[in-house]
Amino acid sequence: MKHQHRLGPLVAQGHLPVAGRLCRPMAAAALTAVVVTACGGAPPRGGDVTVTVTPTVTASGTGAVGSNGSADGAAPPTSDDKGRAYDFGVVRKVSDVAGTSVLELDRWTWKGLADTKLAAQGVPLGPFKGAEPYENQNARLTYTLPVADGARVLYHHCVAADEPLQTKSVDPGQLTGLADGENTVLVKLDDQGRVVAADNIPGCPS
């Protein structure tokens, strides 16, 4: 879903109910029936009442398990980019939804490259020197992209144009807050629009 910049979907933890304390039944020696009353309530009418109490077990620090197996019952996230092979831009936020990392991508434009071609073939991965080869034409929209299990996520840094790139594997959360000049990211997508690879595009100091 395309939406205004905002925080990604928040996940609320459910809590198992805590068993209430049971009031002791009021009994009178002259009565042949046992009357059981709830706390603060009036005794039932019309005959004997049998109450069966099943203890409720409360697990500290865990949430209710939904039908999809997630701890909070949230549905697995879907991608806004289904049908694209690549996307490119700045990762504004990374969140966790139903155990899946989800990127909020602010799509940027590679100068001189139509978006249809970018979606099919990506952008050059090599470092650039001098003027940035991209621009941001729309700061209002972000695109929700779940990260596939086992996705390759790499951070590249250029110290100097005549030196090898410094590259390391990172988790998706480290794609946010990168310095200007190396904060744009090319993501490769599977047929469901999920991120299977991500690389930032580094600029080399002049």
N, C-alpha and C. Protein backbone atom coordinates (compact mmCIF):
# COMPACT_ATOMS: atom_id res chain seq x y z
N MET A 1 0.80 -1.18 0.00
CA MET A 1 0.00 0.00 0.00
C MET A 1 0.85 1.24 0.00
N LYS A 2 0.55 2.14 -0.91
CA LYS A 2 1.28 3.38 -0.95
C LYS A 2 0.64 4.29 0.07
N HIS A 3 1.43 5.01 0.84
CA HIS A 3 0.87 5.85 1.89
C HIS A 3 1.80 7.00 2.19
N GLN A 4 1.27 7.94 2.97
CA GLN A 4 2.09 9.05 3.40
C GLN A 4 3.20 8.54 4.29
N HIS A 5 4.33 9.26 4.37
CA HIS A 5 5.40 8.87 5.31
C HIS A 5 4.80 8.73 6.68
N ARG A 6 4.92 7.65 7.23
CA ARG A 6 4.44 7.43 8.58
C ARG A 6 5.16 6.24 9.16
N LEU A 7 4.94 6.05 10.36
CA LEU A 7 5.53 4.86 10.97
C LEU A 7 4.89 3.65 10.36
N GLY A 8 5.68 2.52 10.16
CA GLY A 8 5.18 1.26 9.66
C GLY A 8 4.20 0.67 10.64
N PRO A 9 3.55 -0.45 10.23
CA PRO A 9 2.56 -1.09 11.06
C PRO A 9 3.12 -1.44 12.41
N LEU A 10 2.38 -0.97 13.48
CA LEU A 10 2.83 -1.32 14.83
C LEU A 10 2.16 -2.60 15.25
N VAL A 11 2.88 -3.37 16.09
CA VAL A 11 2.38 -4.69 16.49
C VAL A 11 2.10 -4.67 17.98
N ALA A 12 0.80 -4.86 18.38
CA ALA A 12 0.45 -4.85 19.80
C ALA A 12 0.42 -6.26 20.33
N GLN A 13 1.02 -6.49 21.48
CA GLN A 13 1.02 -7.82 22.08
C GLN A 13 -0.27 -8.03 22.85
N GLY A 14 -0.87 -9.22 22.67
CA GLY A 14 -2.05 -9.55 23.45
C GLY A 14 -1.64 -10.19 24.75
N HIS A 15 -2.52 -10.22 25.71
CA HIS A 15 -2.19 -10.82 27.01
C HIS A 15 -3.30 -11.78 27.39
N LEU A 16 -2.92 -12.92 27.89
CA LEU A 16 -3.91 -13.87 28.37
C LEU A 16 -4.60 -13.29 29.60
N PRO A 17 -5.90 -13.51 29.74
CA PRO A 17 -6.61 -12.95 30.89
C PRO A 17 -6.12 -13.54 32.19
N VAL A 18 -6.17 -12.76 33.21
CA VAL A 18 -5.76 -13.21 34.54
C VAL A 18 -6.99 -13.69 35.28
N ALA A 19 -6.92 -14.88 35.82
CA ALA A 19 -8.09 -15.43 36.51
C ALA A 19 -8.44 -14.55 37.70
N GLY A 20 -9.73 -14.21 37.83
CA GLY A 20 -10.18 -13.41 38.97
C GLY A 20 -10.31 -14.26 40.22
N ARG A 21 -10.31 -13.62 41.34
CA ARG A 21 -10.47 -14.37 42.58
C ARG A 21 -11.95 -14.75 42.77
N LEU A 22 -12.18 -15.92 43.25
CA LEU A 22 -13.55 -16.39 43.46
C LEU A 22 -13.97 -16.09 44.89
N CYS A 23 -15.18 -15.56 45.00
CA CYS A 23 -15.71 -15.35 46.36
C CYS A 23 -16.17 -16.68 46.94
N ARG A 24 -16.07 -16.83 48.21
CA ARG A 24 -16.52 -18.06 48.85
C ARG A 24 -18.05 -18.12 48.86
N PRO A 25 -18.62 -19.24 48.56
CA PRO A 25 -20.08 -19.34 48.54
C PRO A 25 -20.66 -19.09 49.93
N MET A 26 -21.81 -18.45 49.91
CA MET A 26 -22.54 -18.21 51.15
C MET A 26 -23.41 -19.45 51.41
N ALA A 27 -23.35 -19.95 52.59
CA ALA A 27 -24.13 -21.15 52.90
C ALA A 27 -24.90 -20.94 54.20
N ALA A 28 -26.05 -21.44 54.25
CA ALA A 28 -26.86 -21.39 55.47
C ALA A 28 -27.15 -22.82 55.91
N ALA A 29 -27.05 -23.07 57.22
CA ALA A 29 -27.21 -24.44 57.71
C ALA A 29 -28.60 -24.97 57.44
N ALA A 30 -29.60 -24.08 57.39
CA ALA A 30 -30.96 -24.56 57.23
C ALA A 30 -31.30 -24.88 55.79
N LEU A 31 -30.45 -24.48 54.85
CA LEU A 31 -30.75 -24.70 53.45
C LEU A 31 -30.23 -26.05 53.01
N THR A 32 -30.98 -26.72 52.14
CA THR A 32 -30.53 -28.01 51.63
C THR A 32 -29.77 -27.83 50.32
N ALA A 33 -29.96 -26.69 49.67
CA ALA A 33 -29.26 -26.43 48.41
C ALA A 33 -28.11 -25.49 48.67
N VAL A 34 -27.05 -25.66 47.94
CA VAL A 34 -25.88 -24.78 48.06
C VAL A 34 -26.02 -23.69 47.03
N VAL A 35 -25.98 -22.48 47.47
CA VAL A 35 -26.12 -21.35 46.56
C VAL A 35 -24.75 -20.71 46.38
N VAL A 36 -24.31 -20.61 45.15
CA VAL A 36 -23.02 -20.02 44.87
C VAL A 36 -23.25 -18.67 44.20
N THR A 37 -22.65 -17.65 44.72
CA THR A 37 -22.83 -16.32 44.13
C THR A 37 -21.51 -15.81 43.61
N ALA A 38 -21.55 -15.00 42.56
CA ALA A 38 -20.36 -14.33 42.05
C ALA A 38 -20.09 -13.11 42.88
N CYS A 39 -18.86 -12.62 42.84
CA CYS A 39 -18.49 -11.46 43.63
C CYS A 39 -19.41 -10.30 43.31
N GLY A 40 -20.09 -9.76 44.28
CA GLY A 40 -20.89 -8.57 44.08
C GLY A 40 -22.21 -8.85 43.41
N GLY A 41 -22.55 -10.10 43.05
CA GLY A 41 -23.78 -10.38 42.33
C GLY A 41 -24.85 -10.93 43.24
N ALA A 42 -26.06 -11.03 42.71
CA ALA A 42 -27.18 -11.59 43.48
C ALA A 42 -27.23 -13.09 43.28
N PRO A 43 -27.74 -13.85 44.25
CA PRO A 43 -27.81 -15.30 44.11
C PRO A 43 -28.78 -15.68 43.00
N PRO A 44 -28.48 -16.74 42.24
CA PRO A 44 -29.39 -17.17 41.18
C PRO A 44 -30.66 -17.77 41.77
N ARG A 45 -31.72 -17.75 40.97
CA ARG A 45 -33.00 -18.29 41.42
C ARG A 45 -33.37 -19.50 40.60
N GLY A 46 -34.25 -20.32 41.16
CA GLY A 46 -34.83 -21.39 40.38
C GLY A 46 -34.16 -22.74 40.56
N GLY A 47 -33.43 -22.98 41.62
CA GLY A 47 -32.89 -24.31 41.84
C GLY A 47 -31.42 -24.32 42.13
N ASP A 48 -30.89 -25.54 42.32
CA ASP A 48 -29.49 -25.69 42.64
C ASP A 48 -28.62 -25.29 41.46
N VAL A 49 -27.45 -24.76 41.74
CA VAL A 49 -26.51 -24.33 40.71
C VAL A 49 -25.18 -24.98 40.96
N THR A 50 -24.60 -25.59 39.94
CA THR A 50 -23.26 -26.16 40.04
C THR A 50 -22.31 -25.30 39.22
N VAL A 51 -21.25 -24.85 39.81
CA VAL A 51 -20.29 -23.99 39.13
C VAL A 51 -18.97 -24.74 39.01
N THR A 52 -18.47 -24.86 37.78
CA THR A 52 -17.17 -25.48 37.53
C THR A 52 -16.18 -24.40 37.16
N VAL A 53 -15.10 -24.30 37.88
CA VAL A 53 -14.10 -23.26 37.64
C VAL A 53 -12.87 -23.90 37.03
N THR A 54 -12.47 -23.41 35.84
CA THR A 54 -11.25 -23.89 35.20
C THR A 54 -10.16 -22.86 35.39
N PRO A 55 -9.07 -23.21 36.07
CA PRO A 55 -8.00 -22.22 36.30
C PRO A 55 -7.44 -21.70 34.98
N THR A 56 -7.13 -20.41 34.97
CA THR A 56 -6.50 -19.78 33.80
C THR A 56 -5.02 -19.62 34.05
N VAL A 57 -4.20 -20.16 33.16
CA VAL A 57 -2.75 -20.06 33.31
C VAL A 57 -2.26 -18.81 32.59
N THR A 58 -1.56 -17.97 33.29
CA THR A 58 -1.03 -16.74 32.69
C THR A 58 0.45 -16.88 32.46
N ALA A 59 0.88 -16.74 31.20
CA ALA A 59 2.30 -16.83 30.87
C ALA A 59 2.88 -15.44 30.80
N SER A 60 3.83 -15.16 31.62
CA SER A 60 4.42 -13.83 31.67
C SER A 60 5.28 -13.55 30.45
N GLY A 61 5.09 -12.36 29.84
CA GLY A 61 5.97 -11.90 28.78
C GLY A 61 5.71 -12.50 27.42
N THR A 62 4.59 -13.20 27.21
CA THR A 62 4.29 -13.76 25.91
C THR A 62 2.96 -13.25 25.42
N GLY A 63 2.77 -13.25 24.11
CA GLY A 63 1.52 -12.78 23.54
C GLY A 63 0.68 -13.95 23.10
N ALA A 64 -0.58 -13.66 22.78
CA ALA A 64 -1.45 -14.69 22.25
C ALA A 64 -0.99 -15.10 20.87
N VAL A 65 -1.14 -16.35 20.56
CA VAL A 65 -0.68 -16.86 19.27
C VAL A 65 -1.83 -16.83 18.29
N GLY A 66 -1.65 -16.18 17.14
CA GLY A 66 -2.68 -16.09 16.13
C GLY A 66 -2.72 -17.35 15.28
N SER A 67 -3.75 -17.39 14.40
CA SER A 67 -3.94 -18.56 13.57
C SER A 67 -2.81 -18.75 12.56
N ASN A 68 -2.08 -17.69 12.26
CA ASN A 68 -0.97 -17.81 11.31
C ASN A 68 0.34 -18.17 11.98
N GLY A 69 0.30 -18.40 13.31
CA GLY A 69 1.50 -18.81 14.02
C GLY A 69 2.33 -17.66 14.54
N SER A 70 1.95 -16.40 14.25
CA SER A 70 2.71 -15.27 14.77
C SER A 70 2.31 -15.00 16.20
N ALA A 71 3.18 -14.35 16.95
CA ALA A 71 2.93 -14.13 18.37
C ALA A 71 1.79 -13.18 18.61
N ASP A 72 1.46 -12.31 17.66
CA ASP A 72 0.44 -11.30 17.88
C ASP A 72 -0.76 -11.47 16.97
N GLY A 73 -0.78 -12.47 16.13
CA GLY A 73 -1.91 -12.68 15.25
C GLY A 73 -1.90 -11.80 14.02
N ALA A 74 -0.86 -10.99 13.81
CA ALA A 74 -0.81 -10.10 12.65
C ALA A 74 -0.65 -10.91 11.37
N ALA A 75 -1.26 -10.41 10.30
CA ALA A 75 -1.14 -11.09 9.02
C ALA A 75 0.25 -10.87 8.44
N PRO A 76 0.78 -11.84 7.72
CA PRO A 76 2.08 -11.64 7.07
C PRO A 76 2.00 -10.45 6.12
N PRO A 77 3.03 -9.63 6.03
CA PRO A 77 2.97 -8.45 5.18
C PRO A 77 3.00 -8.81 3.70
N THR A 78 2.39 -7.97 2.88
CA THR A 78 2.45 -8.11 1.43
C THR A 78 3.22 -6.94 0.85
N SER A 79 3.71 -7.10 -0.38
CA SER A 79 4.57 -6.10 -1.01
C SER A 79 3.78 -5.16 -1.91
N ASP A 80 4.20 -3.90 -1.92
CA ASP A 80 3.66 -2.92 -2.86
C ASP A 80 4.34 -3.03 -4.22
N ASP A 81 5.37 -3.86 -4.34
CA ASP A 81 6.18 -3.91 -5.56
C ASP A 81 6.04 -5.23 -6.31
N LYS A 82 4.96 -5.97 -6.08
CA LYS A 82 4.79 -7.22 -6.80
C LYS A 82 4.72 -6.93 -8.30
N GLY A 83 5.53 -7.65 -9.07
CA GLY A 83 5.58 -7.42 -10.51
C GLY A 83 6.84 -6.71 -10.97
N ARG A 84 7.58 -6.11 -10.01
CA ARG A 84 8.85 -5.48 -10.33
C ARG A 84 9.99 -6.44 -10.01
N ALA A 85 11.09 -6.32 -10.74
CA ALA A 85 12.29 -7.10 -10.42
C ALA A 85 13.23 -6.31 -9.52
N TYR A 86 13.16 -4.96 -9.60
CA TYR A 86 14.05 -4.10 -8.81
C TYR A 86 13.28 -2.85 -8.37
N ASP A 87 13.79 -2.26 -7.30
CA ASP A 87 13.37 -0.91 -6.92
C ASP A 87 14.56 -0.20 -6.31
N PHE A 88 14.47 1.11 -6.20
CA PHE A 88 15.63 1.91 -5.80
C PHE A 88 15.15 3.13 -5.04
N GLY A 89 15.87 3.47 -3.98
CA GLY A 89 15.52 4.66 -3.21
C GLY A 89 16.19 4.65 -1.85
N VAL A 90 15.59 5.38 -0.92
CA VAL A 90 16.11 5.50 0.44
C VAL A 90 15.18 4.76 1.39
N VAL A 91 15.76 3.91 2.24
CA VAL A 91 14.97 3.17 3.22
C VAL A 91 14.69 4.10 4.40
N ARG A 92 13.43 4.45 4.57
CA ARG A 92 13.04 5.39 5.63
C ARG A 92 12.80 4.71 6.97
N LYS A 93 12.37 3.46 6.93
CA LYS A 93 12.05 2.76 8.18
C LYS A 93 12.12 1.26 7.95
N VAL A 94 12.54 0.54 8.98
CA VAL A 94 12.50 -0.92 8.97
C VAL A 94 11.76 -1.37 10.22
N SER A 95 10.74 -2.20 10.03
CA SER A 95 9.97 -2.68 11.17
C SER A 95 9.83 -4.20 11.08
N ASP A 96 9.27 -4.78 12.13
CA ASP A 96 9.05 -6.22 12.17
C ASP A 96 7.56 -6.48 12.21
N VAL A 97 7.06 -7.24 11.24
CA VAL A 97 5.65 -7.58 11.18
C VAL A 97 5.52 -9.09 11.09
N ALA A 98 4.90 -9.69 12.07
CA ALA A 98 4.70 -11.14 12.11
C ALA A 98 6.00 -11.89 11.89
N GLY A 99 7.09 -11.37 12.47
CA GLY A 99 8.39 -12.04 12.37
C GLY A 99 9.13 -11.78 11.08
N THR A 100 8.64 -10.85 10.25
CA THR A 100 9.29 -10.52 8.98
C THR A 100 9.76 -9.08 8.99
N SER A 101 11.01 -8.83 8.58
CA SER A 101 11.50 -7.46 8.44
C SER A 101 10.81 -6.81 7.24
N VAL A 102 10.39 -5.57 7.42
CA VAL A 102 9.67 -4.85 6.37
C VAL A 102 10.33 -3.49 6.16
N LEU A 103 10.69 -3.20 4.91
CA LEU A 103 11.28 -1.91 4.55
C LEU A 103 10.19 -0.96 4.10
N GLU A 104 10.33 0.31 4.47
CA GLU A 104 9.52 1.38 3.88
C GLU A 104 10.46 2.17 2.98
N LEU A 105 10.30 2.00 1.65
CA LEU A 105 11.22 2.56 0.68
C LEU A 105 10.65 3.83 0.05
N ASP A 106 11.40 4.91 0.16
CA ASP A 106 11.09 6.15 -0.55
C ASP A 106 11.76 6.03 -1.92
N ARG A 107 10.96 5.80 -2.95
CA ARG A 107 11.51 5.55 -4.29
C ARG A 107 12.16 6.81 -4.86
N TRP A 108 13.38 6.65 -5.40
CA TRP A 108 14.10 7.74 -6.05
C TRP A 108 14.25 7.43 -7.54
N THR A 109 14.61 8.46 -8.29
CA THR A 109 14.77 8.34 -9.74
C THR A 109 16.24 8.38 -10.11
N TRP A 110 16.67 7.43 -10.98
CA TRP A 110 18.02 7.46 -11.52
C TRP A 110 17.98 8.33 -12.78
N LYS A 111 18.78 9.37 -12.80
CA LYS A 111 18.72 10.34 -13.89
C LYS A 111 18.94 9.67 -15.24
N GLY A 112 18.03 9.95 -16.19
CA GLY A 112 18.14 9.42 -17.53
C GLY A 112 17.65 7.99 -17.69
N LEU A 113 17.12 7.38 -16.63
CA LEU A 113 16.65 6.00 -16.70
C LEU A 113 15.16 5.96 -16.38
N ALA A 114 14.37 5.51 -17.34
CA ALA A 114 12.93 5.40 -17.12
C ALA A 114 12.63 4.40 -16.02
N ASP A 115 11.55 4.65 -15.27
CA ASP A 115 11.24 3.76 -14.16
C ASP A 115 10.92 2.35 -14.64
N THR A 116 10.34 2.21 -15.83
CA THR A 116 10.06 0.86 -16.34
C THR A 116 11.34 0.06 -16.54
N LYS A 117 12.40 0.74 -17.00
CA LYS A 117 13.68 0.05 -17.17
C LYS A 117 14.33 -0.22 -15.82
N LEU A 118 14.21 0.74 -14.92
CA LEU A 118 14.76 0.53 -13.57
C LEU A 118 14.09 -0.68 -12.92
N ALA A 119 12.76 -0.78 -13.08
CA ALA A 119 12.03 -1.89 -12.47
C ALA A 119 12.45 -3.23 -13.06
N ALA A 120 12.91 -3.23 -14.31
CA ALA A 120 13.27 -4.48 -14.98
C ALA A 120 14.73 -4.85 -14.79
N GLN A 121 15.64 -3.83 -14.74
CA GLN A 121 17.07 -4.15 -14.75
C GLN A 121 17.87 -3.51 -13.62
N GLY A 122 17.25 -2.67 -12.81
CA GLY A 122 17.97 -2.06 -11.71
C GLY A 122 18.79 -0.85 -12.12
N VAL A 123 19.76 -0.49 -11.29
CA VAL A 123 20.66 0.63 -11.57
C VAL A 123 22.10 0.13 -11.40
N PRO A 124 23.09 0.88 -11.91
CA PRO A 124 24.49 0.45 -11.74
C PRO A 124 24.86 0.34 -10.25
N LEU A 125 25.53 -0.75 -9.90
CA LEU A 125 25.89 -0.97 -8.50
C LEU A 125 27.25 -0.38 -8.13
N GLY A 126 28.04 -0.01 -9.11
CA GLY A 126 29.37 0.50 -8.81
C GLY A 126 29.32 1.85 -8.11
N PRO A 127 30.41 2.22 -7.45
CA PRO A 127 30.47 3.53 -6.78
C PRO A 127 30.51 4.64 -7.82
N PHE A 128 30.05 5.81 -7.43
CA PHE A 128 30.09 6.97 -8.32
C PHE A 128 30.97 8.05 -7.69
N LYS A 129 31.44 8.96 -8.54
CA LYS A 129 32.26 10.07 -8.08
C LYS A 129 31.70 11.35 -8.66
N GLY A 130 31.69 12.39 -7.87
CA GLY A 130 31.16 13.66 -8.34
C GLY A 130 29.67 13.79 -8.06
N ALA A 131 28.94 14.39 -9.02
CA ALA A 131 27.51 14.65 -8.82
C ALA A 131 26.74 13.35 -8.66
N GLU A 132 25.75 13.37 -7.79
CA GLU A 132 24.93 12.20 -7.57
C GLU A 132 24.11 11.89 -8.82
N PRO A 133 24.06 10.64 -9.25
CA PRO A 133 23.36 10.28 -10.48
C PRO A 133 21.86 10.03 -10.28
N TYR A 134 21.32 10.44 -9.17
CA TYR A 134 19.92 10.19 -8.85
C TYR A 134 19.29 11.42 -8.22
N GLU A 135 17.97 11.43 -8.11
CA GLU A 135 17.25 12.52 -7.47
C GLU A 135 15.94 12.01 -6.89
N ASN A 136 15.40 12.76 -5.95
CA ASN A 136 14.13 12.39 -5.34
C ASN A 136 13.05 13.30 -5.88
N GLN A 137 12.13 12.75 -6.65
CA GLN A 137 11.09 13.54 -7.27
C GLN A 137 9.77 13.51 -6.50
N ASN A 138 9.67 12.64 -5.51
CA ASN A 138 8.43 12.54 -4.75
C ASN A 138 8.75 12.09 -3.33
N ALA A 139 8.59 13.01 -2.39
CA ALA A 139 8.92 12.70 -1.00
C ALA A 139 7.70 12.27 -0.19
N ARG A 140 6.55 12.12 -0.85
CA ARG A 140 5.31 11.86 -0.12
C ARG A 140 4.98 10.38 0.01
N LEU A 141 5.46 9.56 -0.90
CA LEU A 141 5.07 8.16 -0.92
C LEU A 141 6.20 7.24 -0.46
N THR A 142 5.83 6.18 0.21
CA THR A 142 6.78 5.10 0.47
C THR A 142 6.14 3.79 0.03
N TYR A 143 6.97 2.77 -0.17
CA TYR A 143 6.51 1.47 -0.64
C TYR A 143 6.92 0.41 0.37
N THR A 144 5.97 -0.43 0.74
CA THR A 144 6.18 -1.46 1.75
C THR A 144 6.75 -2.72 1.11
N LEU A 145 7.94 -3.13 1.57
CA LEU A 145 8.63 -4.26 0.96
C LEU A 145 9.09 -5.24 2.05
N PRO A 146 8.42 -6.40 2.17
CA PRO A 146 8.91 -7.40 3.12
C PRO A 146 10.22 -8.02 2.63
N VAL A 147 11.04 -8.42 3.57
CA VAL A 147 12.35 -9.01 3.25
C VAL A 147 12.22 -10.53 3.34
N ALA A 148 12.62 -11.22 2.27
CA ALA A 148 12.53 -12.68 2.24
C ALA A 148 13.56 -13.30 3.18
N ASP A 149 13.26 -14.49 3.68
CA ASP A 149 14.22 -15.22 4.51
C ASP A 149 15.50 -15.46 3.72
N GLY A 150 16.63 -15.25 4.36
CA GLY A 150 17.91 -15.49 3.72
C GLY A 150 18.34 -14.42 2.74
N ALA A 151 17.67 -13.26 2.74
CA ALA A 151 18.04 -12.19 1.82
C ALA A 151 19.48 -11.72 2.07
N ARG A 152 20.18 -11.36 0.99
CA ARG A 152 21.55 -10.84 1.09
C ARG A 152 21.48 -9.32 1.16
N VAL A 153 21.98 -8.76 2.27
CA VAL A 153 21.95 -7.31 2.48
C VAL A 153 23.38 -6.84 2.71
N LEU A 154 23.88 -5.96 1.81
CA LEU A 154 25.27 -5.51 1.88
C LEU A 154 25.35 -3.99 1.98
N TYR A 155 26.30 -3.55 2.82
CA TYR A 155 26.62 -2.13 2.94
C TYR A 155 27.99 -1.89 2.31
N HIS A 156 28.05 -0.91 1.39
CA HIS A 156 29.30 -0.58 0.71
C HIS A 156 29.72 0.85 1.10
N HIS A 157 31.04 1.01 1.29
CA HIS A 157 31.57 2.34 1.63
C HIS A 157 32.83 2.59 0.81
N CYS A 158 32.89 3.77 0.21
CA CYS A 158 34.06 4.13 -0.60
C CYS A 158 34.90 5.15 0.17
N VAL A 159 36.13 4.77 0.46
CA VAL A 159 37.05 5.69 1.13
C VAL A 159 37.67 6.64 0.12
N ALA A 160 38.10 6.10 -1.02
CA ALA A 160 38.67 6.89 -2.10
C ALA A 160 38.46 6.12 -3.41
N ALA A 161 38.37 6.87 -4.51
CA ALA A 161 38.06 6.25 -5.80
C ALA A 161 39.14 5.25 -6.23
N ASP A 162 40.38 5.44 -5.77
CA ASP A 162 41.45 4.52 -6.16
C ASP A 162 41.68 3.41 -5.15
N GLU A 163 40.76 3.25 -4.20
CA GLU A 163 40.87 2.18 -3.20
C GLU A 163 39.67 1.23 -3.33
N PRO A 164 39.87 -0.03 -2.97
CA PRO A 164 38.75 -0.98 -3.04
C PRO A 164 37.61 -0.56 -2.12
N LEU A 165 36.40 -0.93 -2.50
CA LEU A 165 35.25 -0.67 -1.64
C LEU A 165 35.35 -1.47 -0.35
N GLN A 166 34.89 -0.89 0.72
CA GLN A 166 34.72 -1.62 1.98
C GLN A 166 33.29 -2.14 1.99
N THR A 167 33.13 -3.45 2.08
CA THR A 167 31.80 -4.07 2.00
C THR A 167 31.61 -5.03 3.16
N LYS A 168 30.44 -4.99 3.75
CA LYS A 168 30.13 -5.93 4.82
C LYS A 168 28.65 -6.30 4.78
N SER A 169 28.35 -7.48 5.28
CA SER A 169 26.98 -7.94 5.38
C SER A 169 26.33 -7.31 6.61
N VAL A 170 25.10 -6.81 6.46
CA VAL A 170 24.40 -6.15 7.57
C VAL A 170 22.98 -6.69 7.65
N ASP A 171 22.32 -6.37 8.74
CA ASP A 171 20.90 -6.72 8.83
C ASP A 171 20.09 -5.58 8.22
N PRO A 172 18.83 -5.83 7.82
CA PRO A 172 18.04 -4.81 7.13
C PRO A 172 17.91 -3.49 7.89
N GLY A 173 17.88 -3.55 9.22
CA GLY A 173 17.74 -2.33 10.00
C GLY A 173 18.86 -1.34 9.80
N GLN A 174 20.02 -1.82 9.36
CA GLN A 174 21.17 -0.93 9.17
C GLN A 174 21.14 -0.19 7.83
N LEU A 175 20.08 -0.42 7.05
CA LEU A 175 19.93 0.33 5.80
C LEU A 175 19.32 1.71 6.05
N THR A 176 18.85 1.98 7.24
CA THR A 176 18.32 3.30 7.57
C THR A 176 19.42 4.16 8.17
N GLY A 177 19.27 5.45 8.02
CA GLY A 177 20.22 6.38 8.64
C GLY A 177 21.60 6.40 8.04
N LEU A 178 21.77 5.94 6.80
CA LEU A 178 23.08 6.00 6.15
C LEU A 178 23.40 7.45 5.78
N ALA A 179 24.68 7.74 5.67
CA ALA A 179 25.11 9.11 5.37
C ALA A 179 24.69 9.52 3.96
N ASP A 180 24.48 10.83 3.77
CA ASP A 180 24.19 11.34 2.43
C ASP A 180 25.32 10.93 1.49
N GLY A 181 24.96 10.60 0.28
CA GLY A 181 25.95 10.18 -0.69
C GLY A 181 26.15 8.68 -0.75
N GLU A 182 25.61 7.96 0.25
CA GLU A 182 25.66 6.50 0.22
C GLU A 182 24.38 5.88 0.80
N ASN A 183 23.34 6.71 0.86
CA ASN A 183 22.11 6.25 1.53
C ASN A 183 21.05 5.71 0.58
N THR A 184 21.29 5.73 -0.74
CA THR A 184 20.32 5.12 -1.64
C THR A 184 20.60 3.62 -1.74
N VAL A 185 19.53 2.85 -1.95
CA VAL A 185 19.63 1.39 -1.91
C VAL A 185 18.92 0.78 -3.12
N LEU A 186 19.59 -0.15 -3.76
CA LEU A 186 18.98 -0.94 -4.82
C LEU A 186 18.51 -2.26 -4.21
N VAL A 187 17.22 -2.57 -4.38
CA VAL A 187 16.69 -3.84 -3.88
C VAL A 187 16.29 -4.72 -5.05
N LYS A 188 16.63 -6.00 -4.96
CA LYS A 188 16.21 -7.00 -5.93
C LYS A 188 15.04 -7.75 -5.33
N LEU A 189 14.00 -8.02 -6.16
CA LEU A 189 12.75 -8.57 -5.66
C LEU A 189 12.44 -9.92 -6.29
N ASP A 190 11.73 -10.77 -5.53
CA ASP A 190 11.26 -12.03 -6.12
C ASP A 190 9.89 -11.81 -6.76
N ASP A 191 9.25 -12.89 -7.20
CA ASP A 191 7.98 -12.75 -7.91
C ASP A 191 6.83 -12.31 -7.02
N GLN A 192 7.05 -12.31 -5.70
CA GLN A 192 6.06 -11.80 -4.75
C GLN A 192 6.38 -10.38 -4.29
N GLY A 193 7.42 -9.79 -4.87
CA GLY A 193 7.80 -8.44 -4.48
C GLY A 193 8.57 -8.36 -3.18
N ARG A 194 9.10 -9.49 -2.73
CA ARG A 194 9.88 -9.50 -1.49
C ARG A 194 11.36 -9.27 -1.80
N VAL A 195 12.03 -8.58 -0.90
CA VAL A 195 13.44 -8.27 -1.09
C VAL A 195 14.28 -9.52 -0.91
N VAL A 196 15.06 -9.87 -1.94
CA VAL A 196 15.98 -11.01 -1.83
C VAL A 196 17.43 -10.55 -1.79
N ALA A 197 17.68 -9.28 -2.17
CA ALA A 197 19.02 -8.70 -2.10
C ALA A 197 18.89 -7.19 -2.01
N ALA A 198 19.82 -6.58 -1.28
CA ALA A 198 19.82 -5.12 -1.14
C ALA A 198 21.26 -4.63 -1.04
N ASP A 199 21.58 -3.57 -1.79
CA ASP A 199 22.91 -2.97 -1.79
C ASP A 199 22.75 -1.46 -1.80
N ASN A 200 23.50 -0.77 -0.93
CA ASN A 200 23.50 0.69 -1.06
C ASN A 200 24.46 1.11 -2.15
N ILE A 201 24.25 2.28 -2.72
CA ILE A 201 25.08 2.81 -3.79
C ILE A 201 26.03 3.83 -3.19
N PRO A 202 27.34 3.53 -3.13
CA PRO A 202 28.27 4.42 -2.44
C PRO A 202 28.83 5.50 -3.37
N GLY A 203 29.00 6.70 -2.84
CA GLY A 203 29.70 7.75 -3.55
C GLY A 203 31.12 7.87 -3.02
N CYS A 204 32.06 8.12 -3.91
CA CYS A 204 33.47 8.26 -3.49
C CYS A 204 33.80 9.73 -3.29
N PRO A 205 34.53 10.07 -2.25
CA PRO A 205 34.93 11.46 -2.01
C PRO A 205 35.71 12.00 -3.20
N SER A 206 35.49 13.27 -3.48
CA SER A 206 36.22 13.92 -4.61
C SER A 206 37.68 14.10 -4.27
